[in-house]
Amino acid sequence: MNMGAFGVVMLIARKEDEGYDIAHLRGIGFRYPALGALLTLFLVSLGGIPPTAGFVGKFYLFSAAVKNGYIWLAVIGVLNSAASIYYYLRLVVAMYMVPAEGEVPVPRPPRILFSMALCASAAVVVVLGVLPRSVLEIAERSVLSMLM
């Protein structure tokens, strides 16, 4: 999720020495819909909204905390996740609902491996969000094999 989000931001960045600003994202969702959709998917997953891998990870983390008696810790985690959604969705709003001031930056042309990595990251985020059981079973078997 993080690598995918930063990968899209790297493509959108105007210059290496200029830094990153939310204003650079204005209008990107309509001008470059594939990049906008990828960044939206990664941000939604980071926020923990279903059906993404971020939701599944947070669900299992918070449920493990509750099962072990750390309800207070799970509540703090859920509140932090809810607060983070505001920051992630601010970027989505900037991409789709705020008009661009002037020219929308032209993304750098990605190399084929970079494009494949972004698409693979998006696929993993969706697959782990929709079908997490198979990966969880593999992880469980590997942990059990280390303990025996």
N, C-alpha and C. Protein backbone atom coordinates (compact mmCIF):
# COMPACT_ATOMS: atom_id res chain seq x y z
N MET A 1 0.83 -1.19 0.00
CA MET A 1 0.00 0.00 0.00
C MET A 1 0.87 1.25 0.00
N ASN A 2 1.84 1.26 0.90
CA ASN A 2 2.72 2.44 0.99
C ASN A 2 3.57 2.59 -0.27
N MET A 3 4.14 1.49 -0.72
CA MET A 3 4.98 1.58 -1.92
C MET A 3 4.16 2.01 -3.13
N GLY A 4 2.95 1.50 -3.25
CA GLY A 4 2.10 1.89 -4.35
C GLY A 4 1.72 3.36 -4.30
N ALA A 5 1.35 3.84 -3.12
CA ALA A 5 0.97 5.25 -2.97
C ALA A 5 2.16 6.16 -3.27
N PHE A 6 3.32 5.83 -2.73
CA PHE A 6 4.50 6.66 -3.00
C PHE A 6 4.95 6.54 -4.45
N GLY A 7 4.73 5.40 -5.06
CA GLY A 7 5.07 5.25 -6.47
C GLY A 7 4.24 6.18 -7.35
N VAL A 8 2.94 6.26 -7.07
CA VAL A 8 2.09 7.16 -7.84
C VAL A 8 2.50 8.61 -7.59
N VAL A 9 2.78 8.94 -6.34
CA VAL A 9 3.19 10.31 -6.01
C VAL A 9 4.50 10.66 -6.70
N MET A 10 5.41 9.69 -6.80
CA MET A 10 6.67 9.94 -7.51
C MET A 10 6.43 10.25 -8.98
N LEU A 11 5.46 9.59 -9.58
CA LEU A 11 5.16 9.85 -10.99
C LEU A 11 4.56 11.24 -11.18
N ILE A 12 3.81 11.70 -10.20
CA ILE A 12 3.11 12.98 -10.31
C ILE A 12 4.00 14.16 -9.92
N ALA A 13 5.03 13.93 -9.14
CA ALA A 13 5.88 15.02 -8.65
C ALA A 13 6.41 15.83 -9.82
N ARG A 14 6.46 17.13 -9.65
CA ARG A 14 6.87 18.03 -10.74
C ARG A 14 8.37 18.03 -10.93
N LYS A 15 9.12 18.28 -9.89
CA LYS A 15 10.58 18.30 -9.96
C LYS A 15 11.12 17.65 -8.69
N GLU A 16 12.30 17.09 -8.80
CA GLU A 16 12.90 16.45 -7.64
C GLU A 16 13.20 17.45 -6.52
N ASP A 17 13.57 18.67 -6.89
CA ASP A 17 13.99 19.64 -5.87
C ASP A 17 12.83 20.49 -5.35
N GLU A 18 11.63 20.32 -5.90
CA GLU A 18 10.50 21.17 -5.52
C GLU A 18 9.76 20.65 -4.29
N GLY A 19 9.80 19.38 -4.02
CA GLY A 19 9.07 18.81 -2.90
C GLY A 19 7.67 18.38 -3.34
N TYR A 20 6.94 17.83 -2.41
CA TYR A 20 5.61 17.32 -2.70
C TYR A 20 4.58 18.20 -2.02
N ASP A 21 3.48 18.46 -2.71
CA ASP A 21 2.42 19.30 -2.19
C ASP A 21 1.08 18.70 -2.62
N ILE A 22 0.08 18.84 -1.77
CA ILE A 22 -1.24 18.34 -2.12
C ILE A 22 -1.76 19.03 -3.37
N ALA A 23 -1.36 20.26 -3.58
CA ALA A 23 -1.82 21.00 -4.76
C ALA A 23 -1.40 20.32 -6.06
N HIS A 24 -0.34 19.52 -6.03
CA HIS A 24 0.09 18.80 -7.23
C HIS A 24 -0.93 17.74 -7.64
N LEU A 25 -1.76 17.31 -6.71
CA LEU A 25 -2.73 16.26 -7.01
C LEU A 25 -4.03 16.80 -7.60
N ARG A 26 -4.22 18.10 -7.58
CA ARG A 26 -5.48 18.66 -8.07
C ARG A 26 -5.69 18.34 -9.55
N GLY A 27 -6.85 17.77 -9.83
CA GLY A 27 -7.21 17.46 -11.21
C GLY A 27 -6.61 16.19 -11.77
N ILE A 28 -5.75 15.53 -11.04
CA ILE A 28 -5.10 14.31 -11.53
C ILE A 28 -6.12 13.20 -11.78
N GLY A 29 -7.14 13.10 -10.94
CA GLY A 29 -8.12 12.03 -11.07
C GLY A 29 -8.86 12.04 -12.39
N PHE A 30 -9.06 13.22 -12.96
CA PHE A 30 -9.76 13.31 -14.24
C PHE A 30 -8.79 13.33 -15.42
N ARG A 31 -7.66 13.95 -15.22
CA ARG A 31 -6.70 14.06 -16.32
C ARG A 31 -6.00 12.72 -16.57
N TYR A 32 -5.66 12.01 -15.49
CA TYR A 32 -5.00 10.71 -15.57
C TYR A 32 -5.77 9.72 -14.69
N PRO A 33 -6.87 9.17 -15.20
CA PRO A 33 -7.74 8.35 -14.38
C PRO A 33 -7.09 7.09 -13.82
N ALA A 34 -6.16 6.49 -14.53
CA ALA A 34 -5.52 5.27 -14.01
C ALA A 34 -4.68 5.60 -12.78
N LEU A 35 -3.90 6.66 -12.85
CA LEU A 35 -3.10 7.05 -11.69
C LEU A 35 -4.00 7.46 -10.52
N GLY A 36 -5.07 8.18 -10.83
CA GLY A 36 -6.01 8.58 -9.78
C GLY A 36 -6.66 7.38 -9.11
N ALA A 37 -7.06 6.41 -9.91
CA ALA A 37 -7.69 5.21 -9.36
C ALA A 37 -6.71 4.41 -8.51
N LEU A 38 -5.48 4.28 -8.99
CA LEU A 38 -4.48 3.55 -8.20
C LEU A 38 -4.20 4.23 -6.88
N LEU A 39 -4.00 5.55 -6.91
CA LEU A 39 -3.72 6.26 -5.67
C LEU A 39 -4.91 6.20 -4.72
N THR A 40 -6.12 6.29 -5.26
CA THR A 40 -7.32 6.17 -4.43
C THR A 40 -7.39 4.80 -3.77
N LEU A 41 -7.12 3.75 -4.53
CA LEU A 41 -7.14 2.40 -3.97
C LEU A 41 -6.12 2.26 -2.84
N PHE A 42 -4.91 2.75 -3.05
CA PHE A 42 -3.89 2.64 -2.02
C PHE A 42 -4.25 3.45 -0.77
N LEU A 43 -4.80 4.63 -0.95
CA LEU A 43 -5.16 5.46 0.19
C LEU A 43 -6.34 4.88 0.96
N VAL A 44 -7.31 4.33 0.25
CA VAL A 44 -8.45 3.68 0.90
C VAL A 44 -7.97 2.48 1.71
N SER A 45 -7.04 1.74 1.17
CA SER A 45 -6.49 0.59 1.88
C SER A 45 -5.70 1.03 3.12
N LEU A 46 -4.92 2.08 2.99
CA LEU A 46 -4.20 2.59 4.15
C LEU A 46 -5.15 3.03 5.25
N GLY A 47 -6.31 3.55 4.86
CA GLY A 47 -7.31 3.96 5.84
C GLY A 47 -8.02 2.78 6.48
N GLY A 48 -7.95 1.61 5.88
CA GLY A 48 -8.58 0.43 6.46
C GLY A 48 -10.04 0.27 6.07
N ILE A 49 -10.38 0.71 4.89
CA ILE A 49 -11.76 0.61 4.43
C ILE A 49 -11.90 -0.69 3.63
N PRO A 50 -12.97 -1.48 3.90
CA PRO A 50 -13.13 -2.73 3.17
C PRO A 50 -13.49 -2.47 1.72
N PRO A 51 -13.26 -3.34 0.81
CA PRO A 51 -12.64 -4.66 0.87
C PRO A 51 -11.17 -4.61 0.44
N THR A 52 -10.33 -4.04 1.23
CA THR A 52 -8.92 -3.93 0.89
C THR A 52 -8.07 -4.66 1.92
N ALA A 53 -6.82 -4.83 1.59
CA ALA A 53 -5.90 -5.53 2.49
C ALA A 53 -5.70 -4.75 3.79
N GLY A 54 -5.77 -3.44 3.73
CA GLY A 54 -5.63 -2.63 4.94
C GLY A 54 -6.71 -2.92 5.96
N PHE A 55 -7.93 -3.13 5.49
CA PHE A 55 -9.03 -3.48 6.39
C PHE A 55 -8.79 -4.82 7.05
N VAL A 56 -8.39 -5.80 6.26
CA VAL A 56 -8.17 -7.15 6.79
C VAL A 56 -7.06 -7.13 7.84
N GLY A 57 -5.97 -6.43 7.54
CA GLY A 57 -4.88 -6.34 8.50
C GLY A 57 -5.29 -5.68 9.80
N LYS A 58 -6.01 -4.58 9.69
CA LYS A 58 -6.46 -3.89 10.91
C LYS A 58 -7.49 -4.72 11.67
N PHE A 59 -8.35 -5.40 10.94
CA PHE A 59 -9.36 -6.24 11.60
C PHE A 59 -8.69 -7.33 12.43
N TYR A 60 -7.74 -8.04 11.86
CA TYR A 60 -7.07 -9.11 12.60
C TYR A 60 -6.21 -8.56 13.74
N LEU A 61 -5.59 -7.43 13.53
CA LEU A 61 -4.79 -6.82 14.58
C LEU A 61 -5.65 -6.41 15.77
N PHE A 62 -6.74 -5.72 15.50
CA PHE A 62 -7.61 -5.26 16.59
C PHE A 62 -8.35 -6.41 17.25
N SER A 63 -8.75 -7.42 16.48
CA SER A 63 -9.42 -8.57 17.10
C SER A 63 -8.45 -9.36 17.98
N ALA A 64 -7.18 -9.45 17.59
CA ALA A 64 -6.20 -10.12 18.45
C ALA A 64 -5.99 -9.35 19.74
N ALA A 65 -6.00 -8.03 19.66
CA ALA A 65 -5.86 -7.22 20.87
C ALA A 65 -7.05 -7.44 21.80
N VAL A 66 -8.25 -7.50 21.26
CA VAL A 66 -9.44 -7.70 22.08
C VAL A 66 -9.43 -9.10 22.69
N LYS A 67 -9.05 -10.12 21.93
CA LYS A 67 -9.02 -11.50 22.43
C LYS A 67 -8.03 -11.66 23.58
N ASN A 68 -6.97 -10.87 23.56
CA ASN A 68 -5.96 -10.97 24.62
C ASN A 68 -6.17 -9.98 25.74
N GLY A 69 -7.32 -9.32 25.76
CA GLY A 69 -7.67 -8.45 26.87
C GLY A 69 -7.19 -7.02 26.75
N TYR A 70 -6.70 -6.62 25.62
CA TYR A 70 -6.23 -5.25 25.42
C TYR A 70 -7.29 -4.43 24.68
N ILE A 71 -8.46 -4.38 25.27
CA ILE A 71 -9.56 -3.66 24.64
C ILE A 71 -9.23 -2.18 24.51
N TRP A 72 -8.60 -1.63 25.51
CA TRP A 72 -8.24 -0.21 25.48
C TRP A 72 -7.30 0.10 24.31
N LEU A 73 -6.40 -0.85 24.04
CA LEU A 73 -5.46 -0.66 22.93
C LEU A 73 -6.19 -0.74 21.58
N ALA A 74 -7.15 -1.65 21.47
CA ALA A 74 -7.93 -1.76 20.24
C ALA A 74 -8.76 -0.50 20.01
N VAL A 75 -9.32 0.05 21.07
CA VAL A 75 -10.12 1.28 20.94
C VAL A 75 -9.23 2.43 20.47
N ILE A 76 -8.05 2.55 21.04
CA ILE A 76 -7.12 3.60 20.61
C ILE A 76 -6.74 3.40 19.14
N GLY A 77 -6.51 2.16 18.74
CA GLY A 77 -6.17 1.86 17.36
C GLY A 77 -7.29 2.21 16.39
N VAL A 78 -8.51 1.87 16.77
CA VAL A 78 -9.66 2.19 15.91
C VAL A 78 -9.85 3.70 15.81
N LEU A 79 -9.69 4.41 16.92
CA LEU A 79 -9.81 5.88 16.88
C LEU A 79 -8.72 6.51 16.01
N ASN A 80 -7.50 5.99 16.10
CA ASN A 80 -6.42 6.49 15.24
C ASN A 80 -6.69 6.20 13.77
N SER A 81 -7.23 5.02 13.49
CA SER A 81 -7.57 4.68 12.11
C SER A 81 -8.66 5.59 11.57
N ALA A 82 -9.64 5.87 12.41
CA ALA A 82 -10.72 6.77 11.98
C ALA A 82 -10.18 8.17 11.70
N ALA A 83 -9.26 8.63 12.53
CA ALA A 83 -8.67 9.95 12.30
C ALA A 83 -7.82 9.96 11.03
N SER A 84 -7.13 8.87 10.75
CA SER A 84 -6.27 8.84 9.57
C SER A 84 -7.07 8.86 8.27
N ILE A 85 -8.29 8.37 8.32
CA ILE A 85 -9.13 8.36 7.11
C ILE A 85 -9.34 9.79 6.62
N TYR A 86 -9.47 10.73 7.53
CA TYR A 86 -9.63 12.14 7.14
C TYR A 86 -8.45 12.59 6.28
N TYR A 87 -7.25 12.27 6.70
CA TYR A 87 -6.06 12.71 5.97
C TYR A 87 -5.92 12.01 4.62
N TYR A 88 -6.25 10.73 4.58
CA TYR A 88 -6.16 10.00 3.31
C TYR A 88 -7.21 10.49 2.32
N LEU A 89 -8.42 10.70 2.79
CA LEU A 89 -9.49 11.11 1.89
C LEU A 89 -9.33 12.56 1.44
N ARG A 90 -8.57 13.36 2.19
CA ARG A 90 -8.26 14.72 1.74
C ARG A 90 -7.53 14.70 0.40
N LEU A 91 -6.66 13.72 0.24
CA LEU A 91 -5.94 13.59 -1.02
C LEU A 91 -6.87 13.18 -2.15
N VAL A 92 -7.81 12.30 -1.85
CA VAL A 92 -8.78 11.87 -2.87
C VAL A 92 -9.66 13.05 -3.28
N VAL A 93 -10.07 13.84 -2.30
CA VAL A 93 -10.86 15.04 -2.61
C VAL A 93 -10.06 15.98 -3.50
N ALA A 94 -8.78 16.16 -3.20
CA ALA A 94 -7.95 17.04 -4.02
C ALA A 94 -7.84 16.52 -5.45
N MET A 95 -7.81 15.21 -5.63
CA MET A 95 -7.67 14.65 -6.98
C MET A 95 -8.94 14.79 -7.80
N TYR A 96 -10.09 14.64 -7.16
CA TYR A 96 -11.33 14.56 -7.92
C TYR A 96 -12.27 15.75 -7.75
N MET A 97 -12.15 16.52 -6.71
CA MET A 97 -13.16 17.56 -6.43
C MET A 97 -12.63 18.98 -6.40
N VAL A 98 -11.34 19.14 -6.53
CA VAL A 98 -10.75 20.48 -6.53
C VAL A 98 -10.15 20.72 -7.91
N PRO A 99 -10.58 21.76 -8.58
CA PRO A 99 -10.03 22.01 -9.92
C PRO A 99 -8.56 22.37 -9.85
N ALA A 100 -7.85 21.99 -10.88
CA ALA A 100 -6.42 22.27 -10.95
C ALA A 100 -6.19 23.75 -11.21
N GLU A 101 -5.19 24.28 -10.55
CA GLU A 101 -4.81 25.66 -10.80
C GLU A 101 -3.77 25.66 -11.91
N GLY A 102 -4.16 26.13 -13.07
CA GLY A 102 -3.23 26.13 -14.19
C GLY A 102 -3.13 24.76 -14.83
N GLU A 103 -1.94 24.44 -15.25
CA GLU A 103 -1.67 23.20 -15.97
C GLU A 103 -1.55 22.02 -15.01
N VAL A 104 -2.19 20.92 -15.35
CA VAL A 104 -2.03 19.69 -14.58
C VAL A 104 -0.69 19.10 -14.97
N PRO A 105 0.14 18.74 -13.99
CA PRO A 105 1.47 18.23 -14.35
C PRO A 105 1.38 16.92 -15.14
N VAL A 106 2.23 16.80 -16.10
CA VAL A 106 2.30 15.57 -16.88
C VAL A 106 3.17 14.60 -16.11
N PRO A 107 2.63 13.41 -15.79
CA PRO A 107 3.45 12.45 -15.04
C PRO A 107 4.66 12.02 -15.86
N ARG A 108 5.67 11.64 -15.13
CA ARG A 108 6.85 11.09 -15.80
C ARG A 108 6.44 9.79 -16.47
N PRO A 109 6.96 9.52 -17.64
CA PRO A 109 6.61 8.24 -18.26
C PRO A 109 7.22 7.09 -17.46
N PRO A 110 6.38 6.21 -16.93
CA PRO A 110 6.93 5.12 -16.11
C PRO A 110 7.58 4.05 -16.97
N ARG A 111 8.61 3.47 -16.44
CA ARG A 111 9.22 2.33 -17.10
C ARG A 111 8.27 1.15 -16.95
N ILE A 112 8.44 0.17 -17.78
CA ILE A 112 7.51 -0.97 -17.79
C ILE A 112 7.53 -1.71 -16.47
N LEU A 113 8.68 -1.85 -15.85
CA LEU A 113 8.75 -2.54 -14.55
C LEU A 113 8.06 -1.74 -13.46
N PHE A 114 8.17 -0.43 -13.53
CA PHE A 114 7.51 0.43 -12.56
C PHE A 114 6.00 0.31 -12.69
N SER A 115 5.50 0.31 -13.92
CA SER A 115 4.07 0.15 -14.16
C SER A 115 3.59 -1.21 -13.69
N MET A 116 4.38 -2.22 -13.96
CA MET A 116 4.01 -3.57 -13.52
C MET A 116 3.99 -3.66 -11.99
N ALA A 117 4.93 -2.99 -11.33
CA ALA A 117 4.96 -3.01 -9.87
C ALA A 117 3.73 -2.31 -9.29
N LEU A 118 3.33 -1.20 -9.88
CA LEU A 118 2.12 -0.50 -9.40
C LEU A 118 0.88 -1.36 -9.59
N CYS A 119 0.76 -1.99 -10.74
CA CYS A 119 -0.40 -2.86 -11.00
C CYS A 119 -0.39 -4.09 -10.09
N ALA A 120 0.79 -4.66 -9.86
CA ALA A 120 0.88 -5.81 -8.96
C ALA A 120 0.53 -5.41 -7.54
N SER A 121 0.97 -4.24 -7.11
CA SER A 121 0.62 -3.75 -5.77
C SER A 121 -0.88 -3.58 -5.63
N ALA A 122 -1.51 -3.01 -6.65
CA ALA A 122 -2.96 -2.83 -6.61
C ALA A 122 -3.67 -4.18 -6.57
N ALA A 123 -3.20 -5.13 -7.35
CA ALA A 123 -3.82 -6.46 -7.36
C ALA A 123 -3.70 -7.13 -5.99
N VAL A 124 -2.55 -7.02 -5.37
CA VAL A 124 -2.35 -7.62 -4.05
C VAL A 124 -3.26 -6.97 -3.02
N VAL A 125 -3.40 -5.67 -3.08
CA VAL A 125 -4.28 -4.96 -2.13
C VAL A 125 -5.71 -5.45 -2.26
N VAL A 126 -6.18 -5.62 -3.48
CA VAL A 126 -7.56 -6.06 -3.69
C VAL A 126 -7.73 -7.54 -3.35
N VAL A 127 -6.82 -8.38 -3.81
CA VAL A 127 -6.95 -9.83 -3.56
C VAL A 127 -6.87 -10.14 -2.07
N LEU A 128 -5.93 -9.51 -1.37
CA LEU A 128 -5.84 -9.75 0.07
C LEU A 128 -7.03 -9.19 0.83
N GLY A 129 -7.69 -8.20 0.25
CA GLY A 129 -8.89 -7.67 0.89
C GLY A 129 -10.10 -8.54 0.66
N VAL A 130 -10.18 -9.16 -0.51
CA VAL A 130 -11.35 -9.98 -0.85
C VAL A 130 -11.16 -11.44 -0.43
N LEU A 131 -9.97 -11.99 -0.62
CA LEU A 131 -9.70 -13.40 -0.33
C LEU A 131 -8.50 -13.55 0.61
N PRO A 132 -8.61 -13.10 1.85
CA PRO A 132 -7.44 -13.15 2.73
C PRO A 132 -7.16 -14.53 3.31
N ARG A 133 -8.12 -15.41 3.30
CA ARG A 133 -7.97 -16.69 4.01
C ARG A 133 -6.80 -17.52 3.50
N SER A 134 -6.60 -17.59 2.21
CA SER A 134 -5.54 -18.43 1.67
C SER A 134 -4.17 -17.94 2.12
N VAL A 135 -3.96 -16.63 2.13
CA VAL A 135 -2.68 -16.09 2.57
C VAL A 135 -2.52 -16.27 4.08
N LEU A 136 -3.60 -16.13 4.82
CA LEU A 136 -3.53 -16.33 6.27
C LEU A 136 -3.21 -17.78 6.62
N GLU A 137 -3.72 -18.72 5.85
CA GLU A 137 -3.40 -20.13 6.09
C GLU A 137 -1.92 -20.40 5.83
N ILE A 138 -1.38 -19.83 4.79
CA ILE A 138 0.05 -20.00 4.50
C ILE A 138 0.89 -19.40 5.62
N ALA A 139 0.51 -18.23 6.09
CA ALA A 139 1.24 -17.60 7.19
C ALA A 139 1.14 -18.42 8.46
N GLU A 140 -0.03 -18.96 8.73
CA GLU A 140 -0.22 -19.78 9.92
C GLU A 140 0.64 -21.05 9.87
N ARG A 141 0.66 -21.70 8.71
CA ARG A 141 1.50 -22.90 8.57
C ARG A 141 2.97 -22.58 8.74
N SER A 142 3.42 -21.46 8.20
CA SER A 142 4.84 -21.12 8.33
C SER A 142 5.21 -20.79 9.76
N VAL A 143 4.33 -20.14 10.50
CA VAL A 143 4.61 -19.84 11.91
C VAL A 143 4.61 -21.13 12.72
N LEU A 144 3.66 -22.01 12.46
CA LEU A 144 3.60 -23.27 13.19
C LEU A 144 4.83 -24.14 12.91
N SER A 145 5.32 -24.10 11.69
CA SER A 145 6.52 -24.88 11.37
C SER A 145 7.75 -24.35 12.10
N MET A 146 7.80 -23.07 12.35
CA MET A 146 8.93 -22.50 13.09
C MET A 146 8.86 -22.82 14.58
N LEU A 147 7.65 -23.00 15.09
CA LEU A 147 7.48 -23.27 16.52
C LEU A 147 7.67 -24.73 16.87
N MET A 148 7.61 -25.60 15.89
CA MET A 148 7.73 -27.04 16.17
C MET A 148 9.11 -27.56 15.94
